[in-house]
Amino acid sequence: MSTHFPSISRIAYEGPKSKNPLAFKHYNPDEIVEGKTMRDHLRFSIVYWHTMCGQGGDMFGAPTAIRPWDAGKSGIELAKARVPVFFEIAEKLGMPYYAFHDRDVAPHGQTLRESNEYLDTIVALLKEQQQRTGIKLLWGTAQLFVHPRFMHGAATSPSAEVFAFSAAQVKKALEVTHELGGEGYTFWGGREGYMTLWNTDMKRELDHLAKFLHMAVDYAKQIGFKGQFYIEPKPKEPTKHQYDSDAAACLNFLREYDLLPYFKLNLETNHATLAGHSMQHEMEVAGAAGALGSLDANTGDLLLGWDTDQFLTDASTATQMMLTALKYGGLTTGGVNFDAKVRRESVDPEDLFYSHIGGMDTFARGLKNAAAIRADGRLGDFVKQRYSTWDTGLGASIEAGKESFSSLEAFALEKGEATQVPSGRQEYLENLVNEFI
């Protein structure tokens, strides 16, 4: 292990009474919850882009956090220097997984060939560190939104040449993800959308995006990559309207173009907020469709209107998320991926540890809370009772497809009026859940 943080040891679980800021209060990786360890339930992942590339810059100000390992370096030498630091952080936090974009671990070259050579250089270093630490790649992805060529989109660009360059970049990203044993591959269409409909042929762009994804599916089969494909919904930013705007829009697109058998959703809390939903809503939509894949663990600031990518520290939100995850069988292919960054004002390298510890503890609390609510049974029993008229008699007959408008009209005419519907008891249920948080 490198020694960029000599004063920080491996982060240990010390329990809720600990006052040590460099210890877990709730995340005990070996603790059994509903028959599995916390480690296996949560499948935590640390991201390369925010952790190593985030320097506190924003649209209003220059970077504030130039890390000591970055000082005086640029290009491929900077990329090389970051690799051991990243794995030291991941190893000391006990992260079982990590995730990356191709152009975050290695820089853009002057040509695609040079970019690929840079990436190969860094992939060799990543592989060495994976073998040394046992940390695995949760998923890889291609950065198809920063370079000027992508200003009108990548797979949805009006330029066929840009489409070709995008395909070539994803081809290489799939190859290195496969080489590193990645368990998945994510598509995020940051510029797959439009800024104005006056210059947009939406139908043609969606057709092109579907062709692109089918090409990716075909190439994955060709090289033997068996990892899970994901699409990550987001409604806007940087594009005014993105085609992957929320879980329902993504599922509709996947079904329309016969892609659903190959894809699940990688859902992000802050993106759900920007879409006008809660994260629990997005997870329920995906779970009901059998497409709940992976979670990007962050949150937004309710007083700000953009994607702030903050670490989630709200136990209530984490409890909601874990309740839905457990309901649909847990995270079997993806994980809880910390697509989150420290604040612009948090400039010390040690803040990278405090932030991840807080996020990991929050999800551990959410997991324990969710398991306790399920074991208590009152919430589940209430929902079951609320829909009990569908379990027998008329409801069961409707669900079995044995009724028609005519038969139901006859029932209603004979009945005269429906039996009064019981209270939904929202406040009672909110109080019930709060007993566990």
Protein backbone atom coordinates (compact mmCIF):
# COMPACT_ATOMS: atom_id res chain seq x y z
CA MET A 1 0.00 0.00 0.00
CA SER A 2 1.27 3.50 -0.83
CA THR A 3 1.64 6.02 1.97
CA HIS A 4 0.00 9.22 0.84
CA PHE A 5 -2.09 9.05 4.03
CA PRO A 6 0.43 7.78 6.61
CA SER A 7 -1.65 8.97 9.56
CA ILE A 8 -4.77 7.08 8.41
CA SER A 9 -5.03 3.35 9.03
CA ARG A 10 -7.64 0.99 7.65
CA ILE A 11 -11.03 2.28 8.75
CA ALA A 12 -12.48 -0.06 11.37
CA TYR A 13 -15.96 -0.57 12.78
CA GLU A 14 -16.12 0.83 16.33
CA GLY A 15 -19.88 1.00 16.89
CA PRO A 16 -22.44 3.78 17.43
CA LYS A 17 -20.80 5.10 20.60
CA SER A 18 -17.45 5.81 18.95
CA LYS A 19 -16.38 9.44 18.63
CA ASN A 20 -13.54 8.60 16.25
CA PRO A 21 -14.17 10.45 12.95
CA LEU A 22 -12.05 7.87 11.14
CA ALA A 23 -14.14 4.87 12.21
CA PHE A 24 -17.41 3.30 11.12
CA LYS A 25 -20.28 3.72 13.56
CA HIS A 26 -22.80 1.55 11.67
CA TYR A 27 -21.07 -0.18 8.78
CA ASN A 28 -19.84 -3.51 10.07
CA PRO A 29 -19.03 -5.42 6.86
CA ASP A 30 -19.31 -8.86 8.47
CA GLU A 31 -22.62 -8.21 10.28
CA ILE A 32 -25.41 -10.47 9.02
CA VAL A 33 -28.62 -8.77 7.84
CA GLU A 34 -31.40 -10.93 6.38
CA GLY A 35 -29.01 -13.81 5.81
CA LYS A 36 -26.20 -11.87 4.10
CA THR A 37 -23.31 -9.74 5.30
CA MET A 38 -23.54 -5.98 5.02
CA ARG A 39 -20.61 -6.21 2.61
CA ASP A 40 -22.60 -8.44 0.25
CA HIS A 41 -25.83 -6.46 0.58
CA LEU A 42 -24.31 -3.04 -0.09
CA ARG A 43 -21.48 -3.90 -2.51
CA PHE A 44 -19.90 -0.48 -1.97
CA SER A 45 -17.99 1.09 -4.84
CA ILE A 46 -15.72 4.16 -4.94
CA VAL A 47 -15.60 6.21 -8.15
CA TYR A 48 -12.47 7.40 -9.87
CA TRP A 49 -13.85 10.60 -11.41
CA HIS A 50 -14.89 12.55 -8.32
CA THR A 51 -12.33 11.01 -5.97
CA MET A 52 -9.25 11.57 -8.11
CA CYS A 53 -10.31 14.18 -10.67
CA GLY A 54 -12.56 16.43 -8.61
CA GLN A 55 -10.70 19.58 -7.64
CA GLY A 56 -13.51 21.75 -6.35
CA GLY A 57 -13.99 23.80 -9.50
CA ASP A 58 -17.46 24.81 -10.59
CA MET A 59 -19.11 27.04 -13.19
CA PHE A 60 -18.47 30.06 -10.98
CA GLY A 61 -14.95 29.43 -9.73
CA ALA A 62 -11.55 27.88 -10.27
CA PRO A 63 -10.40 24.66 -8.56
CA THR A 64 -9.80 24.92 -4.82
CA ALA A 65 -8.30 21.50 -4.04
CA ILE A 66 -5.09 20.76 -5.92
CA ARG A 67 -4.03 17.48 -4.37
CA PRO A 68 -0.38 16.98 -3.36
CA TRP A 69 -0.07 13.95 -5.65
CA ASP A 70 -1.24 16.11 -8.60
CA ALA A 71 1.16 19.00 -8.08
CA GLY A 72 3.55 19.62 -10.96
CA LYS A 73 2.18 16.81 -13.13
CA SER A 74 0.05 16.69 -16.24
CA GLY A 75 -1.06 14.33 -18.97
CA ILE A 76 -0.16 10.66 -18.71
CA GLU A 77 2.29 11.26 -15.84
CA LEU A 78 -0.51 12.75 -13.76
CA ALA A 79 -2.73 9.80 -14.64
CA LYS A 80 -0.05 7.35 -13.53
CA ALA A 81 0.49 9.16 -10.22
CA ARG A 82 -3.18 8.99 -9.28
CA VAL A 83 -3.58 5.20 -9.54
CA PRO A 84 -1.77 4.13 -6.33
CA VAL A 85 -3.34 6.98 -4.36
CA PHE A 86 -6.82 5.91 -5.45
CA PHE A 87 -6.27 2.32 -4.39
CA GLU A 88 -4.79 3.41 -1.05
CA ILE A 89 -8.01 5.32 -0.35
CA ALA A 90 -10.18 2.43 -1.53
CA GLU A 91 -8.21 -0.16 0.42
CA LYS A 92 -8.19 1.81 3.68
CA LEU A 93 -11.96 2.34 3.38
CA GLY A 94 -12.51 -1.36 2.74
CA MET A 95 -14.22 -0.74 -0.60
CA PRO A 96 -14.83 -4.01 -2.45
CA TYR A 97 -15.42 -2.27 -5.81
CA TYR A 98 -14.59 0.80 -7.89
CA ALA A 99 -15.89 2.38 -11.11
CA PHE A 100 -14.36 4.64 -13.76
CA HIS A 101 -14.79 6.53 -17.04
CA ASP A 102 -12.12 5.88 -19.66
CA ARG A 103 -11.09 9.53 -19.97
CA ASP A 104 -10.93 10.03 -16.21
CA VAL A 105 -8.31 7.36 -15.60
CA ALA A 106 -6.36 8.33 -18.74
CA PRO A 107 -6.22 11.63 -20.67
CA HIS A 108 -7.47 12.47 -24.14
CA GLY A 109 -4.79 12.10 -26.78
CA GLN A 110 -4.44 14.06 -29.99
CA THR A 111 -5.90 11.08 -31.85
CA LEU A 112 -8.02 8.08 -30.97
CA ARG A 113 -4.95 5.85 -31.34
CA GLU A 114 -3.00 7.95 -28.82
CA SER A 115 -5.99 7.99 -26.43
CA ASN A 116 -6.15 4.19 -26.62
CA GLU A 117 -2.41 3.92 -25.91
CA TYR A 118 -2.78 6.16 -22.85
CA LEU A 119 -5.69 4.04 -21.65
CA ASP A 120 -3.75 0.80 -22.11
CA THR A 121 -0.91 2.23 -20.00
CA ILE A 122 -3.25 3.02 -17.11
CA VAL A 123 -5.25 -0.21 -17.43
CA ALA A 124 -2.03 -2.15 -16.83
CA LEU A 125 -1.54 -0.20 -13.58
CA LEU A 126 -5.19 -0.70 -12.56
CA LYS A 127 -4.85 -4.43 -13.13
CA GLU A 128 -1.76 -4.57 -10.92
CA GLN A 129 -3.58 -2.78 -8.12
CA GLN A 130 -6.67 -4.98 -8.45
CA GLN A 131 -4.48 -8.07 -8.14
CA ARG A 132 -2.66 -6.62 -5.14
CA THR A 133 -5.74 -5.47 -3.23
CA GLY A 134 -8.52 -7.79 -4.38
CA ILE A 135 -10.68 -4.75 -5.19
CA LYS A 136 -12.90 -5.42 -8.22
CA LEU A 137 -14.28 -3.27 -11.01
CA LEU A 138 -18.04 -2.78 -10.54
CA TRP A 139 -18.48 -1.19 -13.95
CA GLY A 140 -16.69 0.85 -16.55
CA THR A 141 -17.99 3.46 -18.96
CA ALA A 142 -16.91 5.82 -21.72
CA GLN A 143 -16.89 9.58 -21.26
CA LEU A 144 -18.89 10.77 -24.27
CA PHE A 145 -19.72 14.29 -23.16
CA VAL A 146 -16.60 16.39 -22.41
CA HIS A 147 -14.75 16.51 -25.75
CA PRO A 148 -15.97 19.25 -28.16
CA ARG A 149 -16.89 16.61 -30.76
CA PHE A 150 -19.77 15.60 -28.48
CA MET A 151 -21.36 19.04 -28.25
CA HIS A 152 -24.41 17.79 -30.21
CA GLY A 153 -24.39 14.33 -28.66
CA ALA A 154 -22.52 11.09 -29.28
CA ALA A 155 -24.76 8.28 -30.50
CA THR A 156 -27.44 10.92 -31.24
CA SER A 157 -25.14 13.39 -33.00
CA PRO A 158 -26.28 14.75 -36.39
CA SER A 159 -22.78 13.80 -37.58
CA ALA A 160 -22.25 10.20 -38.69
CA GLU A 161 -18.52 10.65 -38.10
CA VAL A 162 -19.10 11.56 -34.45
CA PHE A 163 -21.29 8.44 -34.16
CA ALA A 164 -18.37 6.42 -35.54
CA PHE A 165 -15.85 7.95 -33.11
CA SER A 166 -18.29 7.29 -30.25
CA ALA A 167 -18.62 3.65 -31.28
CA ALA A 168 -14.84 3.29 -31.46
CA GLN A 169 -14.44 4.78 -27.98
CA VAL A 170 -17.11 2.51 -26.46
CA LYS A 171 -15.56 -0.50 -28.22
CA LYS A 172 -12.27 0.19 -26.46
CA ALA A 173 -13.97 0.92 -23.12
CA LEU A 174 -15.82 -2.40 -23.33
CA GLU A 175 -12.56 -4.19 -24.07
CA VAL A 176 -10.73 -2.74 -21.07
CA THR A 177 -13.74 -3.28 -18.79
CA HIS A 178 -13.72 -6.91 -19.87
CA GLU A 179 -9.93 -7.14 -19.41
CA LEU A 180 -10.26 -5.82 -15.84
CA GLY A 181 -13.03 -8.29 -14.97
CA GLY A 182 -15.71 -5.61 -14.76
CA GLU A 183 -19.08 -6.87 -13.57
CA GLY A 184 -21.00 -4.34 -15.66
CA TYR A 185 -20.89 -1.48 -18.14
CA THR A 186 -22.89 1.76 -17.86
CA PHE A 187 -24.23 4.14 -20.50
CA TRP A 188 -24.97 7.70 -19.39
CA GLY A 189 -26.20 9.93 -22.18
CA GLY A 190 -25.27 13.34 -20.84
CA ARG A 191 -25.60 14.93 -24.27
CA GLU A 192 -27.95 12.37 -25.82
CA GLY A 193 -30.87 14.76 -26.08
CA TYR A 194 -31.52 18.26 -27.35
CA MET A 195 -31.19 21.93 -26.54
CA THR A 196 -33.88 23.00 -29.03
CA LEU A 197 -36.37 21.04 -31.12
CA TRP A 198 -36.00 23.55 -33.98
CA ASN A 199 -32.88 21.72 -35.15
CA THR A 200 -33.66 18.21 -33.90
CA ASP A 201 -35.02 15.10 -35.65
CA MET A 202 -35.94 13.27 -32.45
CA LYS A 203 -37.16 10.06 -34.11
CA ARG A 204 -33.95 9.70 -36.10
CA GLU A 205 -31.76 10.39 -33.06
CA LEU A 206 -33.59 7.77 -30.96
CA ASP A 207 -33.26 5.26 -33.80
CA HIS A 208 -29.53 5.95 -33.93
CA LEU A 209 -29.17 5.56 -30.17
CA ALA A 210 -30.91 2.19 -30.34
CA LYS A 211 -28.62 1.06 -33.19
CA PHE A 212 -25.63 2.12 -31.10
CA LEU A 213 -26.74 0.11 -28.08
CA HIS A 214 -27.51 -2.96 -30.21
CA MET A 215 -23.98 -2.69 -31.62
CA ALA A 216 -22.65 -2.64 -28.05
CA VAL A 217 -24.68 -5.74 -27.17
CA ASP A 218 -23.37 -7.52 -30.26
CA TYR A 219 -19.76 -6.59 -29.54
CA ALA A 220 -20.01 -7.68 -25.92
CA LYS A 221 -21.09 -11.13 -27.14
CA GLN A 222 -18.26 -11.14 -29.67
CA ILE A 223 -15.55 -10.58 -27.03
CA GLY A 224 -17.21 -12.76 -24.38
CA PHE A 225 -18.13 -9.94 -22.01
CA LYS A 226 -20.94 -11.26 -19.81
CA GLY A 227 -21.29 -8.26 -17.49
CA GLN A 228 -24.57 -6.43 -16.98
CA PHE A 229 -25.34 -3.42 -19.18
CA TYR A 230 -26.90 -0.39 -17.46
CA ILE A 231 -28.53 2.85 -18.54
CA GLU A 232 -28.40 5.74 -16.08
CA PRO A 233 -31.43 8.08 -16.17
CA LYS A 234 -31.12 11.85 -15.88
CA PRO A 235 -33.63 14.44 -17.11
CA LYS A 236 -31.35 17.39 -17.91
CA GLU A 237 -27.91 18.90 -17.39
CA PRO A 238 -25.85 19.41 -19.39
CA THR A 239 -28.51 18.94 -22.10
CA LYS A 240 -31.85 20.72 -21.66
CA HIS A 241 -33.72 17.47 -22.27
CA GLN A 242 -32.01 14.08 -22.18
CA TYR A 243 -33.63 11.05 -23.75
CA ASP A 244 -32.85 8.95 -20.65
CA SER A 245 -34.85 11.39 -18.53
CA ASP A 246 -36.11 9.01 -15.82
CA ALA A 247 -36.62 5.32 -15.12
CA ALA A 248 -39.96 5.14 -16.93
CA ALA A 249 -38.58 6.89 -20.04
CA CYS A 250 -35.59 4.54 -20.13
CA LEU A 251 -37.78 1.46 -19.78
CA ASN A 252 -40.10 2.69 -22.54
CA PHE A 253 -37.11 3.24 -24.84
CA LEU A 254 -35.63 -0.18 -24.04
CA ARG A 255 -38.94 -1.93 -24.68
CA GLU A 256 -39.62 -0.04 -27.91
CA TYR A 257 -36.26 -1.02 -29.38
CA ASP A 258 -36.09 -4.61 -28.03
CA LEU A 259 -33.20 -3.80 -25.69
CA LEU A 260 -34.79 -4.58 -22.32
CA PRO A 261 -33.44 -8.16 -22.17
CA TYR A 262 -29.90 -6.75 -22.14
CA PHE A 263 -30.19 -3.73 -19.83
CA LYS A 264 -30.98 -2.79 -16.27
CA LEU A 265 -31.00 0.71 -14.76
CA ASN A 266 -28.25 2.41 -12.80
CA LEU A 267 -30.25 4.90 -10.72
CA GLU A 268 -28.87 8.02 -9.07
CA THR A 269 -30.54 9.81 -6.17
CA ASN A 270 -29.69 13.32 -7.37
CA HIS A 271 -30.94 12.51 -10.88
CA ALA A 272 -34.24 11.29 -9.43
CA THR A 273 -34.64 14.64 -7.67
CA LEU A 274 -33.94 16.57 -10.88
CA ALA A 275 -36.63 14.47 -12.58
CA GLY A 276 -39.15 15.47 -9.92
CA HIS A 277 -39.17 12.06 -8.26
CA SER A 278 -37.89 10.50 -5.07
CA MET A 279 -35.20 7.85 -5.35
CA GLN A 280 -37.64 5.33 -3.87
CA HIS A 281 -40.03 6.09 -6.74
CA GLU A 282 -37.34 5.48 -9.36
CA MET A 283 -36.30 2.25 -7.65
CA GLU A 284 -39.90 1.03 -7.49
CA VAL A 285 -40.40 1.74 -11.20
CA ALA A 286 -37.24 -0.17 -12.07
CA GLY A 287 -37.89 -2.97 -9.59
CA ALA A 288 -41.42 -3.59 -10.85
CA ALA A 289 -39.99 -4.05 -14.35
CA GLY A 290 -37.24 -6.42 -13.18
CA ALA A 291 -34.68 -3.77 -14.16
CA LEU A 292 -33.28 -2.61 -10.80
CA GLY A 293 -29.57 -2.89 -11.41
CA SER A 294 -27.26 -0.55 -9.52
CA LEU A 295 -27.36 2.63 -7.41
CA ASP A 296 -25.29 5.79 -7.66
CA ALA A 297 -25.22 6.88 -4.04
CA ASN A 298 -25.47 10.62 -3.63
CA THR A 299 -27.98 13.38 -3.03
CA GLY A 300 -28.70 16.93 -4.11
CA ASP A 301 -29.19 20.08 -2.10
CA LEU A 302 -32.90 20.88 -1.94
CA LEU A 303 -32.11 24.61 -2.03
CA LEU A 304 -30.07 24.31 -5.24
CA GLY A 305 -31.43 23.40 -8.65
CA TRP A 306 -28.56 21.46 -10.15
CA ASP A 307 -26.74 18.16 -9.78
CA THR A 308 -24.55 18.75 -6.72
CA ASP A 309 -23.49 15.10 -6.22
CA GLN A 310 -23.22 15.32 -2.44
CA PHE A 311 -22.66 12.34 -0.19
CA LEU A 312 -25.95 11.04 1.19
CA THR A 313 -26.13 11.45 4.97
CA ASP A 314 -29.90 11.28 5.42
CA ALA A 315 -30.81 8.00 7.11
CA SER A 316 -34.48 8.35 6.16
CA THR A 317 -33.70 8.41 2.43
CA ALA A 318 -31.27 5.53 2.79
CA THR A 319 -33.94 3.53 4.67
CA GLN A 320 -36.45 4.09 1.86
CA MET A 321 -33.88 2.98 -0.71
CA MET A 322 -32.91 -0.14 1.18
CA LEU A 323 -36.56 -1.09 1.79
CA THR A 324 -37.16 -1.11 -1.94
CA ALA A 325 -33.86 -2.87 -2.68
CA LEU A 326 -34.70 -5.68 -0.22
CA LYS A 327 -38.24 -5.89 -1.57
CA TYR A 328 -36.89 -6.72 -5.03
CA GLY A 329 -34.24 -9.18 -3.89
CA GLY A 330 -31.34 -6.84 -3.27
CA LEU A 331 -28.50 -5.70 -5.52
CA THR A 332 -27.34 -8.79 -7.37
CA THR A 333 -25.37 -7.29 -10.25
CA GLY A 334 -24.63 -3.69 -9.27
CA GLY A 335 -23.81 -1.99 -6.01
CA VAL A 336 -23.98 1.18 -3.94
CA ASN A 337 -21.62 3.32 -5.99
CA PHE A 338 -20.43 6.59 -4.44
CA ASP A 339 -20.87 8.93 -7.40
CA ALA A 340 -20.35 11.80 -4.96
CA LYS A 341 -17.81 14.50 -4.28
CA VAL A 342 -16.65 16.57 -1.36
CA ARG A 343 -17.78 20.18 -1.25
CA ARG A 344 -15.77 22.94 -2.91
CA GLU A 345 -14.84 24.22 0.55
CA SER A 346 -13.58 20.80 1.74
CA VAL A 347 -10.01 21.07 0.49
CA ASP A 348 -8.05 18.69 2.74
CA PRO A 349 -7.25 15.23 1.34
CA GLU A 350 -8.56 13.71 4.59
CA ASP A 351 -12.03 14.98 3.66
CA LEU A 352 -12.13 12.18 1.08
CA PHE A 353 -12.19 9.73 4.00
CA TYR A 354 -14.70 11.60 6.16
CA SER A 355 -17.15 11.84 3.26
CA HIS A 356 -17.02 8.18 2.32
CA ILE A 357 -17.23 7.05 5.95
CA GLY A 358 -20.37 9.14 6.37
CA GLY A 359 -21.92 7.74 3.22
CA MET A 360 -21.10 4.14 4.10
CA ASP A 361 -22.47 4.53 7.63
CA THR A 362 -25.66 6.11 6.28
CA PHE A 363 -26.40 3.21 3.96
CA ALA A 364 -25.55 0.73 6.71
CA ARG A 365 -28.11 2.45 8.94
CA GLY A 366 -30.61 2.39 6.09
CA LEU A 367 -30.05 -1.33 5.58
CA LYS A 368 -30.48 -2.13 9.27
CA ASN A 369 -33.56 0.08 9.51
CA ALA A 370 -35.13 -1.51 6.44
CA ALA A 371 -34.49 -5.02 7.72
CA ALA A 372 -36.01 -4.11 11.10
CA ILE A 373 -39.13 -2.66 9.44
CA ARG A 374 -39.54 -5.80 7.39
CA ALA A 375 -39.05 -8.03 10.43
CA ASP A 376 -41.56 -5.98 12.43
CA GLY A 377 -44.15 -6.71 9.76
CA ARG A 378 -46.64 -3.93 10.46
CA LEU A 379 -45.87 -1.96 7.30
CA GLY A 380 -45.99 -5.00 5.07
CA ASP A 381 -49.17 -6.26 6.73
CA PHE A 382 -50.87 -2.89 6.24
CA VAL A 383 -50.10 -2.83 2.52
CA LYS A 384 -51.22 -6.44 2.13
CA GLN A 385 -54.51 -5.72 3.92
CA ARG A 386 -55.05 -2.57 1.84
CA TYR A 387 -55.14 -4.66 -1.33
CA SER A 388 -56.95 -7.64 0.20
CA THR A 389 -60.05 -7.23 -2.02
CA TRP A 390 -57.85 -8.34 -4.91
CA ASP A 391 -56.89 -11.62 -3.25
CA THR A 392 -60.28 -13.35 -3.42
CA GLY A 393 -63.67 -12.99 -5.05
CA LEU A 394 -64.19 -10.20 -7.55
CA GLY A 395 -60.62 -8.86 -7.40
CA ALA A 396 -59.05 -12.27 -7.96
CA SER A 397 -61.45 -12.84 -10.87
CA ILE A 398 -60.43 -9.50 -12.48
CA GLU A 399 -56.73 -10.26 -12.11
CA ALA A 400 -57.27 -13.70 -13.62
CA GLY A 401 -58.79 -12.11 -16.72
CA LYS A 402 -62.22 -13.60 -16.17
CA GLU A 403 -64.16 -10.31 -16.13
CA SER A 404 -65.20 -7.75 -18.77
CA PHE A 405 -66.75 -4.29 -18.78
CA SER A 406 -70.14 -5.92 -19.20
CA SER A 407 -69.75 -8.31 -16.26
CA LEU A 408 -68.39 -5.54 -14.07
CA GLU A 409 -71.26 -3.25 -15.04
CA ALA A 410 -73.67 -5.98 -13.98
CA PHE A 411 -71.86 -6.30 -10.64
CA ALA A 412 -71.98 -2.52 -10.05
CA LEU A 413 -75.66 -2.26 -10.94
CA GLU A 414 -76.55 -5.04 -8.53
CA LYS A 415 -74.26 -3.76 -5.76
CA GLY A 416 -75.63 -0.22 -5.88
CA GLU A 417 -72.51 1.43 -4.35
CA ALA A 418 -68.96 0.34 -3.61
CA THR A 419 -68.08 -0.50 -0.02
CA GLN A 420 -66.39 2.49 1.61
CA VAL A 421 -62.65 2.43 1.01
CA PRO A 422 -60.69 2.38 4.32
CA SER A 423 -58.25 5.10 5.33
CA GLY A 424 -54.80 5.17 3.76
CA ARG A 425 -53.35 6.19 7.16
CA GLN A 426 -50.36 8.03 5.70
CA GLU A 427 -49.55 9.79 8.96
CA TYR A 428 -49.78 6.56 10.95
CA LEU A 429 -47.36 4.87 8.56
CA GLU A 430 -44.93 7.78 8.62
CA ASN A 431 -44.90 7.57 12.42
CA LEU A 432 -44.39 3.82 12.22
CA VAL A 433 -41.35 4.15 9.95
CA ASN A 434 -39.91 6.89 12.15
CA GLU A 435 -39.81 4.41 15.06
CA PHE A 436 -36.90 2.73 13.27
CA ILE A 437 -34.87 5.73 12.09
